[in-house]
Structure formats: C-alpha cells, structure tokens
Amino acid sequence: MTDEPVEIPIEDVLDLHPFRPNEIRDVTLEYLTVARERGLRQVRLIHGRGIGVQRANVQSLLETLD
C-alpha cells in the first residue's frame, strides 16, 4: 500500500469503508470542506455497522463543525 493522496469524486455520498480507521477523521473533514465549497449542503456519510466506533468518530467531528 502507498500513502500517496487519492482523489475522491465530491458527491453527496461519502462511503468511508475503503479508509483505515485512523484516516476517517481527516478524510471526512477534507471531503466536507470541499463539498461545502462546491455548494453541497447535505452529504450522506456511510460509516458502517459494528460496535459504533466509526459512527462516534464521525459524530464527534460533526459536532466541531459549524
């Protein structure tokens, strides 16, 4: 695997499954920032199921945004 940047199409859905857990916060923040700049006002974040760790991480990030 490589640590080179990957370009993600900015749409109204972001599936977080392909990302490592330690990348979720940064990927989500960057995605939402660019989505807002492009005029998207709603983005669906797919964080998966399980014991809720990623959901909690995403919700924690969202609470810090205005």
Protein backbone atom coordinates (compact mmCIF):
# COMPACT_ATOMS: atom_id res chain seq x y z
CA MET A 1 0.00 0.00 0.00
CA THR A 2 1.04 3.57 -0.55
CA ASP A 3 0.44 6.79 1.35
CA GLU A 4 0.00 8.84 -1.80
CA PRO A 5 -3.08 11.07 -1.99
CA VAL A 6 -6.14 9.59 -3.63
CA GLU A 7 -8.58 11.83 -5.47
CA ILE A 8 -12.16 11.18 -4.44
CA PRO A 9 -15.07 12.48 -6.51
CA ILE A 10 -17.03 15.01 -4.46
CA GLU A 11 -20.67 13.95 -4.48
CA ASP A 12 -23.49 13.86 -1.97
CA VAL A 13 -22.37 10.50 -0.54
CA LEU A 14 -19.07 9.52 1.06
CA ASP A 15 -18.53 5.83 1.78
CA LEU A 16 -15.88 5.54 4.49
CA HIS A 17 -15.44 1.77 4.20
CA PRO A 18 -12.31 1.92 1.99
CA PHE A 19 -10.40 4.02 4.53
CA ARG A 20 -8.38 2.93 7.52
CA PRO A 21 -9.85 3.92 10.89
CA ASN A 22 -7.03 6.39 11.54
CA GLU A 23 -7.84 8.17 8.25
CA ILE A 24 -11.58 8.61 8.80
CA ARG A 25 -11.49 11.96 10.61
CA ASP A 26 -9.11 13.66 8.15
CA VAL A 27 -10.84 12.23 5.07
CA THR A 28 -14.26 13.25 6.35
CA LEU A 29 -13.19 16.78 7.26
CA GLU A 30 -11.45 17.37 3.93
CA TYR A 31 -14.39 15.91 1.99
CA LEU A 32 -16.96 18.03 3.82
CA THR A 33 -14.86 21.16 3.38
CA VAL A 34 -14.60 20.67 -0.38
CA ALA A 35 -18.26 19.64 -0.65
CA ARG A 36 -19.31 22.86 1.07
CA GLU A 37 -17.06 24.92 -1.21
CA ARG A 38 -18.79 23.28 -4.18
CA GLY A 39 -22.23 24.15 -2.89
CA LEU A 40 -23.34 20.83 -1.44
CA ARG A 41 -25.41 21.39 1.69
CA GLN A 42 -26.10 17.75 2.52
CA VAL A 43 -23.71 14.81 2.38
CA ARG A 44 -24.55 11.27 3.41
CA LEU A 45 -21.69 9.65 5.32
CA ILE A 46 -21.61 5.87 5.26
CA HIS A 47 -19.52 4.74 8.21
CA GLY A 48 -20.62 1.14 8.51
CA ARG A 49 -22.03 -1.01 11.23
CA GLY A 50 -20.46 -2.79 14.10
CA ILE A 51 -19.90 -1.55 17.62
CA GLY A 52 -20.22 2.13 16.65
CA VAL A 53 -16.61 3.33 16.90
CA GLN A 54 -16.56 4.97 13.46
CA ARG A 55 -20.04 6.43 13.97
CA ALA A 56 -18.84 8.01 17.21
CA ASN A 57 -15.71 9.38 15.50
CA VAL A 58 -17.77 10.90 12.68
CA GLN A 59 -20.33 12.35 15.10
CA SER A 60 -17.54 13.82 17.20
CA LEU A 61 -16.10 15.53 14.15
CA LEU A 62 -19.51 16.84 13.06
CA GLU A 63 -20.06 18.41 16.47
CA THR A 64 -16.96 20.55 15.96
CA LEU A 65 -18.14 21.96 12.62
CA ASP A 66 -20.37 24.98 12.20
